[in-house]
Amino acid sequence: MATKKNTEVTDTVETTVEKQADVAKNEPKYAVGKLREKSILLFGVSQSTFDGAMYGHTEEEYSKKEVEAIINEWLYGKEGRK
């Protein structure tokens, strides 16, 4: 019976990950220049911080959540904000 519960938990986790991936696909993407212009309003960082965080990221369009994750990783490392 414990095996059945583990399988159910695994199925639930996989379903949650798939739902998050679908949400990320449905988010609107914006040009990097537009996100940079509004970096203080959107992310609470200056344009120079935005430039530093986005250095090396070559795509032309990102969603707000993608950029926010990139900035947070650049500022705080992989562990995130403490």
PDB file of N, CA and C in Angstrom:
ATOM      1  N   MET A   1       0.813  -1.179   0.000  1.00  0.00           N
ATOM      2  CA  MET A   1       0.000   0.000   0.000  1.00  0.00           C
ATOM      3  C   MET A   1       0.866   1.256   0.000  1.00  0.00           C
ATOM      4  N   ALA A   2       2.023   1.195   0.603  1.00  0.00           N
ATOM      5  CA  ALA A   2       2.915   2.356   0.598  1.00  0.00           C
ATOM      6  C   ALA A   2       3.369   2.668  -0.826  1.00  0.00           C
ATOM      7  N   THR A   3       3.547   1.632  -1.635  1.00  0.00           N
ATOM      8  CA  THR A   3       3.954   1.840  -3.014  1.00  0.00           C
ATOM      9  C   THR A   3       2.884   2.607  -3.775  1.00  0.00           C
ATOM     10  N   LYS A   4       1.647   2.287  -3.513  1.00  0.00           N
ATOM     11  CA  LYS A   4       0.552   2.971  -4.189  1.00  0.00           C
ATOM     12  C   LYS A   4       0.540   4.454  -3.831  1.00  0.00           C
ATOM     13  N   LYS A   5       0.763   4.775  -2.559  1.00  0.00           N
ATOM     14  CA  LYS A   5       0.794   6.169  -2.136  1.00  0.00           C
ATOM     15  C   LYS A   5       1.947   6.909  -2.806  1.00  0.00           C
ATOM     16  N   ASN A   6       3.116   6.282  -2.869  1.00  0.00           N
ATOM     17  CA  ASN A   6       4.260   6.918  -3.511  1.00  0.00           C
ATOM     18  C   ASN A   6       3.981   7.191  -4.977  1.00  0.00           C
ATOM     19  N   THR A   7       3.311   6.256  -5.640  1.00  0.00           N
ATOM     20  CA  THR A   7       2.957   6.442  -7.037  1.00  0.00           C
ATOM     21  C   THR A   7       1.988   7.612  -7.185  1.00  0.00           C
ATOM     22  N   GLU A   8       1.013   7.718  -6.275  1.00  0.00           N
ATOM     23  CA  GLU A   8       0.051   8.813  -6.330  1.00  0.00           C
ATOM     24  C   GLU A   8       0.743  10.157  -6.124  1.00  0.00           C
ATOM     25  N   VAL A   9       1.679  10.213  -5.194  1.00  0.00           N
ATOM     26  CA  VAL A   9       2.410  11.452  -4.932  1.00  0.00           C
ATOM     27  C   VAL A   9       3.234  11.832  -6.151  1.00  0.00           C
ATOM     28  N   THR A  10       3.910  10.857  -6.755  1.00  0.00           N
ATOM     29  CA  THR A  10       4.717  11.110  -7.941  1.00  0.00           C
ATOM     30  C   THR A  10       3.845  11.630  -9.071  1.00  0.00           C
ATOM     31  N   ASP A  11       2.671  11.027  -9.268  1.00  0.00           N
ATOM     32  CA  ASP A  11       1.753  11.476 -10.312  1.00  0.00           C
ATOM     33  C   ASP A  11       1.292  12.912 -10.053  1.00  0.00           C
ATOM     34  N   THR A  12       1.026  13.238  -8.797  1.00  0.00           N
ATOM     35  CA  THR A  12       0.590  14.586  -8.450  1.00  0.00           C
ATOM     36  C   THR A  12       1.691  15.598  -8.722  1.00  0.00           C
ATOM     37  N   VAL A  13       2.916  15.269  -8.356  1.00  0.00           N
ATOM     38  CA  VAL A  13       4.050  16.167  -8.582  1.00  0.00           C
ATOM     39  C   VAL A  13       4.271  16.377 -10.072  1.00  0.00           C
ATOM     40  N   GLU A  14       4.218  15.312 -10.859  1.00  0.00           N
ATOM     41  CA  GLU A  14       4.404  15.427 -12.303  1.00  0.00           C
ATOM     42  C   GLU A  14       3.298  16.284 -12.927  1.00  0.00           C
ATOM     43  N   THR A  15       2.067  16.120 -12.468  1.00  0.00           N
ATOM     44  CA  THR A  15       0.956  16.911 -12.979  1.00  0.00           C
ATOM     45  C   THR A  15       1.156  18.389 -12.649  1.00  0.00           C
ATOM     46  N   THR A  16       1.617  18.695 -11.443  1.00  0.00           N
ATOM     47  CA  THR A  16       1.863  20.075 -11.037  1.00  0.00           C
ATOM     48  C   THR A  16       2.954  20.702 -11.891  1.00  0.00           C
ATOM     49  N   VAL A  17       4.018  19.978 -12.152  1.00  0.00           N
ATOM     50  CA  VAL A  17       5.105  20.491 -12.985  1.00  0.00           C
ATOM     51  C   VAL A  17       4.616  20.755 -14.401  1.00  0.00           C
ATOM     52  N   GLU A  18       3.799  19.860 -14.934  1.00  0.00           N
ATOM     53  CA  GLU A  18       3.257  20.046 -16.277  1.00  0.00           C
ATOM     54  C   GLU A  18       2.359  21.283 -16.333  1.00  0.00           C
ATOM     55  N   LYS A  19       1.548  21.518 -15.301  1.00  0.00           N
ATOM     56  CA  LYS A  19       0.675  22.685 -15.264  1.00  0.00           C
ATOM     57  C   LYS A  19       1.506  23.965 -15.229  1.00  0.00           C
ATOM     58  N   GLN A  20       2.589  23.971 -14.446  1.00  0.00           N
ATOM     59  CA  GLN A  20       3.447  25.147 -14.377  1.00  0.00           C
ATOM     60  C   GLN A  20       4.099  25.420 -15.723  1.00  0.00           C
ATOM     61  N   ALA A  21       4.491  24.377 -16.437  1.00  0.00           N
ATOM     62  CA  ALA A  21       5.091  24.544 -17.752  1.00  0.00           C
ATOM     63  C   ALA A  21       4.076  25.133 -18.732  1.00  0.00           C
ATOM     64  N   ASP A  22       2.820  24.689 -18.645  1.00  0.00           N
ATOM     65  CA  ASP A  22       1.773  25.223 -19.516  1.00  0.00           C
ATOM     66  C   ASP A  22       1.515  26.699 -19.224  1.00  0.00           C
ATOM     67  N   VAL A  23       1.521  27.078 -17.961  1.00  0.00           N
ATOM     68  CA  VAL A  23       1.314  28.477 -17.591  1.00  0.00           C
ATOM     69  C   VAL A  23       2.443  29.331 -18.147  1.00  0.00           C
ATOM     70  N   ALA A  24       3.673  28.842 -18.062  1.00  0.00           N
ATOM     71  CA  ALA A  24       4.822  29.592 -18.567  1.00  0.00           C
ATOM     72  C   ALA A  24       4.724  29.781 -20.084  1.00  0.00           C
ATOM     73  N   LYS A  25       4.202  28.806 -20.782  1.00  0.00           N
ATOM     74  CA  LYS A  25       4.056  28.917 -22.235  1.00  0.00           C
ATOM     75  C   LYS A  25       3.000  29.953 -22.608  1.00  0.00           C
ATOM     76  N   ASN A  26       1.985  30.118 -21.769  1.00  0.00           N
ATOM     77  CA  ASN A  26       0.881  31.020 -22.073  1.00  0.00           C
ATOM     78  C   ASN A  26       1.149  32.465 -21.680  1.00  0.00           C
ATOM     79  N   GLU A  27       2.237  32.724 -20.974  1.00  0.00           N
ATOM     80  CA  GLU A  27       2.542  34.094 -20.563  1.00  0.00           C
ATOM     81  C   GLU A  27       2.984  34.922 -21.752  1.00  0.00           C
ATOM     82  N   PRO A  28       2.554  36.177 -21.794  1.00  0.00           N
ATOM     83  CA  PRO A  28       3.010  37.043 -22.891  1.00  0.00           C
ATOM     84  C   PRO A  28       4.492  37.353 -22.758  1.00  0.00           C
ATOM     85  N   LYS A  29       5.150  37.487 -23.894  1.00  0.00           N
ATOM     86  CA  LYS A  29       6.571  37.823 -23.902  1.00  0.00           C
ATOM     87  C   LYS A  29       6.732  39.237 -24.431  1.00  0.00           C
ATOM     88  N   TYR A  30       7.745  39.903 -23.907  1.00  0.00           N
ATOM     89  CA  TYR A  30       7.993  41.293 -24.257  1.00  0.00           C
ATOM     90  C   TYR A  30       9.428  41.454 -24.742  1.00  0.00           C
ATOM     91  N   ALA A  31       9.655  42.475 -25.546  1.00  0.00           N
ATOM     92  CA  ALA A  31      10.997  42.774 -26.036  1.00  0.00           C
ATOM     93  C   ALA A  31      11.880  43.177 -24.857  1.00  0.00           C
ATOM     94  N   VAL A  32      13.138  42.769 -24.916  1.00  0.00           N
ATOM     95  CA  VAL A  32      14.077  43.060 -23.840  1.00  0.00           C
ATOM     96  C   VAL A  32      14.191  44.566 -23.606  1.00  0.00           C
ATOM     97  N   GLY A  33      14.189  45.336 -24.676  1.00  0.00           N
ATOM     98  CA  GLY A  33      14.279  46.790 -24.554  1.00  0.00           C
ATOM     99  C   GLY A  33      13.130  47.394 -23.761  1.00  0.00           C
ATOM    100  N   LYS A  34      11.934  46.891 -23.978  1.00  0.00           N
ATOM    101  CA  LYS A  34      10.766  47.392 -23.252  1.00  0.00           C
ATOM    102  C   LYS A  34      10.842  47.012 -21.776  1.00  0.00           C
ATOM    103  N   LEU A  35      11.274  45.783 -21.494  1.00  0.00           N
ATOM    104  CA  LEU A  35      11.427  45.348 -20.109  1.00  0.00           C
ATOM    105  C   LEU A  35      12.509  46.176 -19.408  1.00  0.00           C
ATOM    106  N   ARG A  36      13.569  46.496 -20.141  1.00  0.00           N
ATOM    107  CA  ARG A  36      14.653  47.302 -19.578  1.00  0.00           C
ATOM    108  C   ARG A  36      14.164  48.699 -19.237  1.00  0.00           C
ATOM    109  N   GLU A  37      13.377  49.299 -20.136  1.00  0.00           N
ATOM    110  CA  GLU A  37      12.847  50.650 -19.909  1.00  0.00           C
ATOM    111  C   GLU A  37      12.032  50.726 -18.622  1.00  0.00           C
ATOM    112  N   LYS A  38      11.304  49.680 -18.321  1.00  0.00           N
ATOM    113  CA  LYS A  38      10.409  49.659 -17.163  1.00  0.00           C
ATOM    114  C   LYS A  38      10.963  48.809 -16.019  1.00  0.00           C
ATOM    115  N   SER A  39      12.270  48.596 -15.993  1.00  0.00           N
ATOM    116  CA  SER A  39      12.867  47.688 -15.007  1.00  0.00           C
ATOM    117  C   SER A  39      12.611  48.122 -13.569  1.00  0.00           C
ATOM    118  N   ILE A  40      12.584  49.426 -13.296  1.00  0.00           N
ATOM    119  CA  ILE A  40      12.340  49.888 -11.925  1.00  0.00           C
ATOM    120  C   ILE A  40      10.906  49.578 -11.508  1.00  0.00           C
ATOM    121  N   LEU A  41       9.958  49.813 -12.394  1.00  0.00           N
ATOM    122  CA  LEU A  41       8.548  49.544 -12.074  1.00  0.00           C
ATOM    123  C   LEU A  41       8.246  48.050 -11.984  1.00  0.00           C
ATOM    124  N   LEU A  42       8.793  47.279 -12.917  1.00  0.00           N
ATOM    125  CA  LEU A  42       8.465  45.858 -12.987  1.00  0.00           C
ATOM    126  C   LEU A  42       9.229  45.004 -11.980  1.00  0.00           C
ATOM    127  N   PHE A  43      10.529  45.297 -11.814  1.00  0.00           N
ATOM    128  CA  PHE A  43      11.386  44.409 -11.034  1.00  0.00           C
ATOM    129  C   PHE A  43      12.041  45.079  -9.832  1.00  0.00           C
ATOM    130  N   GLY A  44      11.917  46.401  -9.732  1.00  0.00           N
ATOM    131  CA  GLY A  44      12.511  47.112  -8.614  1.00  0.00           C
ATOM    132  C   GLY A  44      14.025  47.222  -8.692  1.00  0.00           C
ATOM    133  N   VAL A  45      14.565  47.168  -9.921  1.00  0.00           N
ATOM    134  CA  VAL A  45      16.013  47.294 -10.107  1.00  0.00           C
ATOM    135  C   VAL A  45      16.295  48.360 -11.163  1.00  0.00           C
ATOM    136  N   SER A  46      17.493  48.940 -11.086  1.00  0.00           N
ATOM    137  CA  SER A  46      17.889  49.952 -12.061  1.00  0.00           C
ATOM    138  C   SER A  46      18.173  49.299 -13.414  1.00  0.00           C
ATOM    139  N   GLN A  47      18.293  50.135 -14.444  1.00  0.00           N
ATOM    140  CA  GLN A  47      18.600  49.613 -15.772  1.00  0.00           C
ATOM    141  C   GLN A  47      19.990  48.984 -15.807  1.00  0.00           C
ATOM    142  N   SER A  48      20.930  49.524 -15.028  1.00  0.00           N
ATOM    143  CA  SER A  48      22.266  48.936 -15.021  1.00  0.00           C
ATOM    144  C   SER A  48      22.261  47.554 -14.360  1.00  0.00           C
ATOM    145  N   THR A  49      21.447  47.378 -13.322  1.00  0.00           N
ATOM    146  CA  THR A  49      21.308  46.054 -12.706  1.00  0.00           C
ATOM    147  C   THR A  49      20.644  45.095 -13.683  1.00  0.00           C
ATOM    148  N   PHE A  50      19.624  45.577 -14.377  1.00  0.00           N
ATOM    149  CA  PHE A  50      18.953  44.774 -15.397  1.00  0.00           C
ATOM    150  C   PHE A  50      19.963  44.321 -16.450  1.00  0.00           C
ATOM    151  N   ASP A  51      20.808  45.264 -16.914  1.00  0.00           N
ATOM    152  CA  ASP A  51      21.825  44.933 -17.923  1.00  0.00           C
ATOM    153  C   ASP A  51      22.790  43.866 -17.420  1.00  0.00           C
ATOM    154  N   GLY A  52      23.222  44.005 -16.179  1.00  0.00           N
ATOM    155  CA  GLY A  52      24.145  43.021 -15.619  1.00  0.00           C
ATOM    156  C   GLY A  52      23.527  41.640 -15.517  1.00  0.00           C
ATOM    157  N   ALA A  53      22.288  41.585 -15.075  1.00  0.00           N
ATOM    158  CA  ALA A  53      21.606  40.301 -14.923  1.00  0.00           C
ATOM    159  C   ALA A  53      21.337  39.640 -16.273  1.00  0.00           C
ATOM    160  N   MET A  54      21.029  40.453 -17.269  1.00  0.00           N
ATOM    161  CA  MET A  54      20.670  39.905 -18.572  1.00  0.00           C
ATOM    162  C   MET A  54      21.879  39.652 -19.480  1.00  0.00           C
ATOM    163  N   TYR A  55      23.073  40.021 -19.012  1.00  0.00           N
ATOM    164  CA  TYR A  55      24.280  39.816 -19.809  1.00  0.00           C
ATOM    165  C   TYR A  55      24.416  38.331 -20.174  1.00  0.00           C
ATOM    166  N   GLY A  56      24.572  38.059 -21.447  1.00  0.00           N
ATOM    167  CA  GLY A  56      24.727  36.684 -21.914  1.00  0.00           C
ATOM    168  C   GLY A  56      23.425  36.003 -22.309  1.00  0.00           C
ATOM    169  N   HIS A  57      22.302  36.590 -21.963  1.00  0.00           N
ATOM    170  CA  HIS A  57      21.004  36.046 -22.356  1.00  0.00           C
ATOM    171  C   HIS A  57      20.653  36.656 -23.712  1.00  0.00           C
ATOM    172  N   THR A  58      20.601  35.831 -24.734  1.00  0.00           N
ATOM    173  CA  THR A  58      20.539  36.331 -26.105  1.00  0.00           C
ATOM    174  C   THR A  58      19.157  36.349 -26.748  1.00  0.00           C
ATOM    175  N   GLU A  59      18.147  35.812 -26.077  1.00  0.00           N
ATOM    176  CA  GLU A  59      16.813  35.847 -26.679  1.00  0.00           C
ATOM    177  C   GLU A  59      16.330  37.289 -26.764  1.00  0.00           C
ATOM    178  N   GLU A  60      15.466  37.565 -27.716  1.00  0.00           N
ATOM    179  CA  GLU A  60      14.972  38.926 -27.916  1.00  0.00           C
ATOM    180  C   GLU A  60      13.718  39.220 -27.099  1.00  0.00           C
ATOM    181  N   GLU A  61      13.007  38.176 -26.669  1.00  0.00           N
ATOM    182  CA  GLU A  61      11.778  38.360 -25.908  1.00  0.00           C
ATOM    183  C   GLU A  61      11.756  37.416 -24.715  1.00  0.00           C
ATOM    184  N   TYR A  62      11.250  37.939 -23.598  1.00  0.00           N
ATOM    185  CA  TYR A  62      11.110  37.164 -22.366  1.00  0.00           C
ATOM    186  C   TYR A  62       9.789  37.522 -21.709  1.00  0.00           C
ATOM    187  N   SER A  63       9.283  36.606 -20.886  1.00  0.00           N
ATOM    188  CA  SER A  63       8.127  36.935 -20.059  1.00  0.00           C
ATOM    189  C   SER A  63       8.643  37.640 -18.803  1.00  0.00           C
ATOM    190  N   LYS A  64       7.753  38.304 -18.095  1.00  0.00           N
ATOM    191  CA  LYS A  64       8.153  39.005 -16.877  1.00  0.00           C
ATOM    192  C   LYS A  64       8.697  38.031 -15.835  1.00  0.00           C
ATOM    193  N   LYS A  65       8.073  36.864 -15.716  1.00  0.00           N
ATOM    194  CA  LYS A  65       8.523  35.879 -14.732  1.00  0.00           C
ATOM    195  C   LYS A  65       9.914  35.349 -15.067  1.00  0.00           C
ATOM    196  N   GLU A  66      10.186  35.148 -16.341  1.00  0.00           N
ATOM    197  CA  GLU A  66      11.511  34.678 -16.740  1.00  0.00           C
ATOM    198  C   GLU A  66      12.580  35.691 -16.359  1.00  0.00           C
ATOM    199  N   VAL A  67      12.323  36.966 -16.650  1.00  0.00           N
ATOM    200  CA  VAL A  67      13.294  38.014 -16.336  1.00  0.00           C
ATOM    201  C   VAL A  67      13.449  38.150 -14.823  1.00  0.00           C
ATOM    202  N   GLU A  68      12.347  38.083 -14.104  1.00  0.00           N
ATOM    203  CA  GLU A  68      12.414  38.184 -12.650  1.00  0.00           C
ATOM    204  C   GLU A  68      13.276  37.062 -12.072  1.00  0.00           C
ATOM    205  N   ALA A  69      13.132  35.852 -12.590  1.00  0.00           N
ATOM    206  CA  ALA A  69      13.944  34.727 -12.124  1.00  0.00           C
ATOM    207  C   ALA A  69      15.422  34.943 -12.458  1.00  0.00           C
ATOM    208  N   ILE A  70      15.709  35.458 -13.644  1.00  0.00           N
ATOM    209  CA  ILE A  70      17.089  35.727 -14.050  1.00  0.00           C
ATOM    210  C   ILE A  70      17.708  36.774 -13.134  1.00  0.00           C
ATOM    211  N   ILE A  71      16.971  37.844 -12.865  1.00  0.00           N
ATOM    212  CA  ILE A  71      17.481  38.914 -12.003  1.00  0.00           C
ATOM    213  C   ILE A  71      17.712  38.398 -10.585  1.00  0.00           C
ATOM    214  N   ASN A  72      16.754  37.660 -10.041  1.00  0.00           N
ATOM    215  CA  ASN A  72      16.905  37.144  -8.678  1.00  0.00           C
ATOM    216  C   ASN A  72      18.084  36.188  -8.558  1.00  0.00           C
ATOM    217  N   GLU A  73      18.294  35.355  -9.567  1.00  0.00           N
ATOM    218  CA  GLU A  73      19.438  34.444  -9.523  1.00  0.00           C
ATOM    219  C   GLU A  73      20.738  35.235  -9.600  1.00  0.00           C
ATOM    220  N   TRP A  74      20.767  36.273 -10.417  1.00  0.00           N
ATOM    221  CA  TRP A  74      21.973  37.087 -10.559  1.00  0.00           C
ATOM    222  C   TRP A  74      22.269  37.846  -9.260  1.00  0.00           C
ATOM    223  N   LEU A  75      21.228  38.373  -8.629  1.00  0.00           N
ATOM    224  CA  LEU A  75      21.426  39.141  -7.405  1.00  0.00           C
ATOM    225  C   LEU A  75      21.711  38.271  -6.188  1.00  0.00           C
ATOM    226  N   TYR A  76      20.997  37.168  -6.052  1.00  0.00           N
ATOM    227  CA  TYR A  76      21.031  36.396  -4.824  1.00  0.00           C
ATOM    228  C   TYR A  76      21.608  34.997  -4.955  1.00  0.00           C
ATOM    229  N   GLY A  77      21.979  34.592  -6.148  1.00  0.00           N
ATOM    230  CA  GLY A  77      22.499  33.248  -6.354  1.00  0.00           C
ATOM    231  C   GLY A  77      21.381  32.239  -6.486  1.00  0.00           C
ATOM    232  N   LYS A  78      21.732  30.997  -6.628  1.00  0.00           N
ATOM    233  CA  LYS A  78      20.741  29.945  -6.839  1.00  0.00           C
ATOM    234  C   LYS A  78      19.879  29.703  -5.611  1.00  0.00           C
ATOM    235  N   GLU A  79      20.355  30.044  -4.416  1.00  0.00           N
ATOM    236  CA  GLU A  79      19.577  29.826  -3.210  1.00  0.00           C
ATOM    237  C   GLU A  79      18.412  30.794  -3.094  1.00  0.00           C
ATOM    238  N   GLY A  80      18.488  31.914  -3.794  1.00  0.00           N
ATOM    239  CA  GLY A  80      17.422  32.901  -3.755  1.00  0.00           C
ATOM    240  C   GLY A  80      17.607  33.906  -2.645  1.00  0.00           C
ATOM    241  N   ARG A  81      16.596  34.721  -2.470  1.00  0.00           N
ATOM    242  CA  ARG A  81      16.634  35.797  -1.469  1.00  0.00           C
ATOM    243  C   ARG A  81      16.559  35.217  -0.071  1.00  0.00           C
ATOM    244  N   LYS A  82      17.373  35.771   0.832  1.00  0.00           N
ATOM    245  CA  LYS A  82      17.371  35.296   2.226  1.00  0.00           C
ATOM    246  C   LYS A  82      16.800  36.353   3.135  1.00  0.00           C
TER     247      LYS A  82
END
